[in-house]
């Protein structure tokens, strides 16, 4: 009796919420990277004797390229997909932040923080959030955009005190290690989630193709009767007339 009862399965979490979680983590890490200059300007000025205006020029070039990279990143996402663009951007951010901790001149600071990190953060800013929400959500777009916006503010809220504590305890060269190392975690999460989605989507696509084939299958034609070359209608007519 109990064996015949149907126990409903709990609803499975949709893939779009997993993608949203990984994108929120990426936006959070990017916001943490943008908070680094607020903590590094004074230690760099003290360590190398640089003018604060010269250091601020690297920060300004970073913000400029972060804004200019948005439209181009959107076009690249439409052509190659957000996964490849996001992974490339996270690699740029991680390498640029890690290399910035080893700078010896202002030119290196301009190239690494201004250009490399600026392009990486610009490609994972608002354009990534808009692309993911537009592609994966139809009924909860406002909620998804709100969560991604909250991730931006949360990243600055978390990383600013953390980076300040790292500078005080270990020095400014360790300051870029936290956001630089944490930028690699969304890469792995995004790759795993996309691989899982591809497997599920492939299984669903195969099941849909099989159902369509069953629906469009042409019924087999009956074999003609041996007694008459015209087929079953003629044979039934002959048998009825004979009866």
Protein backbone atom coordinates (compact mmCIF):
# COMPACT_ATOMS: atom_id res chain seq x y z
CA UNK A 1 0.00 0.00 0.00
CA UNK A 2 2.77 2.41 0.95
CA UNK A 3 4.76 1.39 -2.10
CA UNK A 4 2.07 2.73 -4.42
CA UNK A 5 1.99 6.20 -2.85
CA UNK A 6 3.63 8.95 -4.88
CA UNK A 7 5.93 11.09 -2.76
CA UNK A 8 6.46 14.49 -4.43
CA UNK A 9 10.04 15.58 -4.80
CA UNK A 10 11.09 18.95 -3.36
CA UNK A 11 11.48 21.67 -6.01
CA UNK A 12 15.02 21.92 -7.35
CA UNK A 13 16.83 25.24 -7.35
CA UNK A 14 16.82 26.69 -10.85
CA UNK A 15 20.13 27.23 -12.58
CA UNK A 16 19.54 30.96 -12.93
CA UNK A 17 19.81 31.47 -9.17
CA UNK A 18 23.16 29.67 -9.14
CA UNK A 19 24.37 31.92 -11.96
CA UNK A 20 23.08 34.95 -10.03
CA UNK A 21 24.98 33.86 -6.91
CA UNK A 22 28.24 33.48 -8.84
CA UNK A 23 27.72 36.83 -10.56
CA UNK A 24 27.01 38.49 -7.20
CA UNK A 25 30.25 37.07 -5.83
CA UNK A 26 32.11 38.42 -8.87
CA UNK A 27 30.58 41.88 -8.46
CA UNK A 28 31.44 41.79 -4.75
CA UNK A 29 35.08 40.98 -5.46
CA UNK A 30 35.25 43.69 -8.13
CA UNK A 31 33.88 46.25 -5.67
CA UNK A 32 36.53 45.14 -3.18
CA UNK A 33 39.24 45.76 -5.77
CA UNK A 34 37.94 49.26 -6.48
CA UNK A 35 38.24 50.01 -2.75
CA UNK A 36 42.00 49.30 -2.67
CA UNK A 37 43.23 52.81 -3.75
CA UNK A 38 41.50 54.43 -0.79
CA UNK A 39 43.83 52.48 1.49
CA UNK A 40 47.00 52.44 -0.64
CA UNK A 41 47.51 56.13 -1.46
CA UNK A 42 49.09 57.09 1.86
CA UNK A 43 51.33 53.98 2.22
CA UNK A 44 52.63 54.42 -1.35
CA UNK A 45 53.39 58.09 -0.74
CA UNK A 46 55.29 57.23 2.43
CA UNK A 47 57.18 54.24 0.98
CA UNK A 48 58.36 55.83 -2.30
CA UNK A 49 58.02 59.55 -1.64
CA UNK A 50 55.63 59.97 -4.55
CA UNK A 51 53.27 62.88 -4.82
CA UNK A 52 49.68 62.04 -4.01
CA UNK A 53 48.56 63.72 -7.21
CA UNK A 54 50.75 61.31 -9.22
CA UNK A 55 49.26 58.34 -7.39
CA UNK A 56 45.77 59.74 -7.91
CA UNK A 57 46.47 59.89 -11.65
CA UNK A 58 46.75 56.08 -11.71
CA UNK A 59 43.45 55.84 -9.84
CA UNK A 60 41.83 58.29 -12.27
CA UNK A 61 43.03 56.32 -15.29
CA UNK A 62 41.62 53.19 -13.66
CA UNK A 63 38.21 54.81 -13.27
CA UNK A 64 38.34 56.20 -16.82
CA UNK A 65 39.12 52.84 -18.40
CA UNK A 66 36.55 51.17 -16.15
CA UNK A 67 33.88 53.39 -17.72
CA UNK A 68 35.18 53.18 -21.28
CA UNK A 69 35.46 49.39 -21.23
CA UNK A 70 31.75 48.93 -20.51
CA UNK A 71 30.31 49.34 -24.05
CA UNK A 72 33.08 47.27 -25.63
CA UNK A 73 32.68 44.55 -22.99
CA UNK A 74 28.94 44.43 -23.74
CA UNK A 75 29.61 43.88 -27.43
CA UNK A 76 32.18 41.19 -26.70
CA UNK A 77 29.70 39.45 -24.37
CA UNK A 78 27.09 39.35 -27.13
CA UNK A 79 29.61 37.74 -29.46
CA UNK A 80 31.47 35.33 -27.17
CA UNK A 81 29.16 35.03 -24.16
CA UNK A 82 29.46 36.42 -20.62
CA UNK A 83 31.31 33.38 -19.28
CA UNK A 84 34.46 33.92 -21.33
CA UNK A 85 34.46 37.66 -20.79
CA UNK A 86 34.01 37.31 -17.05
CA UNK A 87 36.73 34.69 -16.69
CA UNK A 88 39.14 36.82 -18.72
CA UNK A 89 38.30 39.90 -16.66
CA UNK A 90 38.84 38.07 -13.37
CA UNK A 91 42.21 36.82 -14.57
CA UNK A 92 43.17 40.40 -15.51
CA UNK A 93 42.06 41.69 -12.11
CA UNK A 94 43.88 38.99 -10.16
CA UNK A 95 47.13 39.34 -12.12
CA UNK A 96 47.00 43.15 -12.09
CA UNK A 97 46.34 43.43 -8.36
CA UNK A 98 49.00 40.84 -7.52
CA UNK A 99 51.57 42.59 -9.71
CA UNK A 100 50.71 46.01 -8.28
CA UNK A 101 52.07 44.91 -4.90
CA UNK A 102 55.52 44.63 -6.52
CA UNK A 103 55.68 48.02 -8.27
CA UNK A 104 58.87 50.08 -8.15
CA UNK A 105 57.94 53.07 -10.33
CA UNK A 106 54.99 55.24 -11.23
CA UNK A 107 54.97 53.89 -14.78
CA UNK A 108 54.42 50.37 -13.49
CA UNK A 109 51.61 51.66 -11.28
CA UNK A 110 49.96 53.38 -14.25
CA UNK A 111 50.19 50.30 -16.47
CA UNK A 112 49.14 47.73 -13.89
CA UNK A 113 46.53 49.54 -11.83
CA UNK A 114 45.43 52.07 -14.42
CA UNK A 115 45.22 49.86 -17.51
CA UNK A 116 45.11 46.17 -16.55
CA UNK A 117 42.92 46.44 -13.46
CA UNK A 118 40.83 49.19 -15.06
CA UNK A 119 39.95 47.00 -18.05
CA UNK A 120 39.19 44.05 -15.79
CA UNK A 121 36.89 45.94 -13.44
CA UNK A 122 35.16 47.67 -16.34
CA UNK A 123 34.26 44.35 -17.92
CA UNK A 124 32.74 42.98 -14.71
CA UNK A 125 30.81 46.07 -13.67
CA UNK A 126 27.22 47.02 -14.55
CA UNK A 127 27.42 45.53 -18.04
CA UNK A 128 27.92 42.02 -16.63
CA UNK A 129 24.98 42.41 -14.25
CA UNK A 130 22.70 43.68 -17.01
CA UNK A 131 23.72 40.89 -19.40
CA UNK A 132 23.20 38.11 -16.86
CA UNK A 133 19.84 39.46 -15.68
CA UNK A 134 18.57 40.00 -19.22
CA UNK A 135 19.61 36.53 -20.33
CA UNK A 136 18.49 34.46 -17.35
CA UNK A 137 15.54 36.30 -15.81
CA UNK A 138 12.12 37.26 -17.11
CA UNK A 139 9.90 37.57 -14.02
CA UNK A 140 12.38 38.52 -11.26
CA UNK A 141 14.61 41.01 -13.04
CA UNK A 142 14.10 43.74 -10.46
CA UNK A 143 15.01 41.40 -7.62
CA UNK A 144 18.09 40.15 -9.45
CA UNK A 145 19.34 43.67 -10.24
CA UNK A 146 18.72 44.70 -6.64
CA UNK A 147 20.79 41.78 -5.34
CA UNK A 148 23.64 42.61 -7.69
CA UNK A 149 23.53 46.25 -6.62
CA UNK A 150 23.61 45.19 -2.99
CA UNK A 151 26.65 43.02 -3.75
CA UNK A 152 28.52 46.12 -4.96
CA UNK A 153 27.91 48.02 -1.73
CA UNK A 154 28.62 44.93 0.37
CA UNK A 155 32.00 44.45 -1.31
CA UNK A 156 33.17 47.91 -0.34
CA UNK A 157 31.72 47.51 3.14
CA UNK A 158 33.61 44.25 3.70
CA UNK A 159 36.93 44.99 2.01
CA UNK A 160 37.63 48.54 3.24
CA UNK A 161 38.08 47.64 6.94
CA UNK A 162 39.77 44.37 5.98
CA UNK A 163 42.33 46.11 3.76
CA UNK A 164 42.98 48.79 6.36
CA UNK A 165 43.67 46.10 8.96
CA UNK A 166 46.02 44.29 6.57
CA UNK A 167 47.99 47.49 5.90
CA UNK A 168 48.39 48.19 9.60
CA UNK A 169 49.36 44.62 10.50
CA UNK A 170 51.40 43.38 7.53
CA UNK A 171 52.21 46.37 5.32
CA UNK A 172 50.90 47.74 2.04
CA UNK A 173 52.40 45.00 -0.14
CA UNK A 174 50.03 42.49 1.43
CA UNK A 175 47.08 44.76 0.81
CA UNK A 176 46.43 43.50 -2.69
CA UNK A 177 46.71 39.86 -1.76
CA UNK A 178 43.19 39.61 -0.29
CA UNK A 179 41.20 40.87 -3.30
CA UNK A 180 43.71 39.38 -5.73
CA UNK A 181 43.45 35.88 -4.30
CA UNK A 182 39.70 36.10 -3.79
CA UNK A 183 39.20 37.02 -7.45
CA UNK A 184 40.08 33.44 -8.42
CA UNK A 185 37.17 31.87 -6.53
CA UNK A 186 34.40 33.16 -8.85
CA UNK A 187 36.37 31.74 -11.80
CA UNK A 188 36.06 28.21 -10.46
CA UNK A 189 32.45 28.66 -9.34
CA UNK A 190 31.38 30.12 -12.67
CA UNK A 191 33.13 27.39 -14.65
CA UNK A 192 31.55 24.63 -12.54
CA UNK A 193 28.08 26.17 -12.68
CA UNK A 194 28.27 26.67 -16.44
CA UNK A 195 29.48 23.10 -16.93
CA UNK A 196 26.57 21.83 -14.82
CA UNK A 197 24.15 23.97 -16.81
CA UNK A 198 25.52 22.66 -20.10
CA UNK A 199 25.02 19.07 -18.97
CA UNK A 200 21.47 19.76 -17.79
CA UNK A 201 20.64 21.76 -20.90
CA UNK A 202 22.04 19.02 -23.10
CA UNK A 203 19.91 16.39 -21.35
CA UNK A 204 16.81 18.58 -21.65
CA UNK A 205 17.53 19.24 -25.31
CA UNK A 206 17.91 15.56 -26.06
CA UNK A 207 14.66 14.80 -24.22
CA UNK A 208 12.85 17.53 -26.14
CA UNK A 209 14.15 16.22 -29.46
CA UNK A 210 12.98 12.71 -28.59
CA UNK A 211 9.50 14.00 -27.70
CA UNK A 212 9.24 15.97 -30.92
CA UNK A 213 10.26 12.92 -32.91
CA UNK A 214 7.57 10.86 -31.22
CA UNK A 215 4.94 13.50 -31.96
CA UNK A 216 5.90 13.90 -35.61
CA UNK A 217 6.38 10.23 -36.33
CA UNK A 218 4.33 9.15 -39.34
CA UNK A 219 2.08 6.13 -38.61
CA UNK A 220 3.02 3.06 -40.63
CA UNK A 221 0.85 2.28 -43.65
CA UNK A 222 -0.97 -1.08 -43.53
CA UNK A 223 0.39 -3.82 -45.72
CA UNK A 224 -1.69 -4.51 -48.84
CA UNK A 225 -3.76 -7.68 -49.00
CA UNK A 226 -2.37 -10.62 -50.89
CA UNK A 227 -5.71 -11.45 -52.48
CA UNK A 228 -6.15 -8.10 -54.19
CA UNK A 229 -3.50 -5.62 -55.35
CA UNK A 230 -5.73 -2.68 -54.40
CA UNK A 231 -5.23 -3.17 -50.68
CA UNK A 232 -7.44 -3.73 -47.58
CA UNK A 233 -10.46 -1.56 -48.67
CA UNK A 234 -10.96 -3.61 -51.78
CA UNK A 235 -10.49 -6.85 -49.89
CA UNK A 236 -13.14 -5.86 -47.30
CA UNK A 237 -15.53 -4.91 -50.07
CA UNK A 238 -15.00 -8.23 -51.80
CA UNK A 239 -15.43 -10.18 -48.56
CA UNK A 240 -18.65 -8.24 -47.73
CA UNK A 241 -20.04 -8.83 -51.19
CA UNK A 242 -19.23 -12.46 -51.02
CA UNK A 243 -21.01 -12.79 -47.66
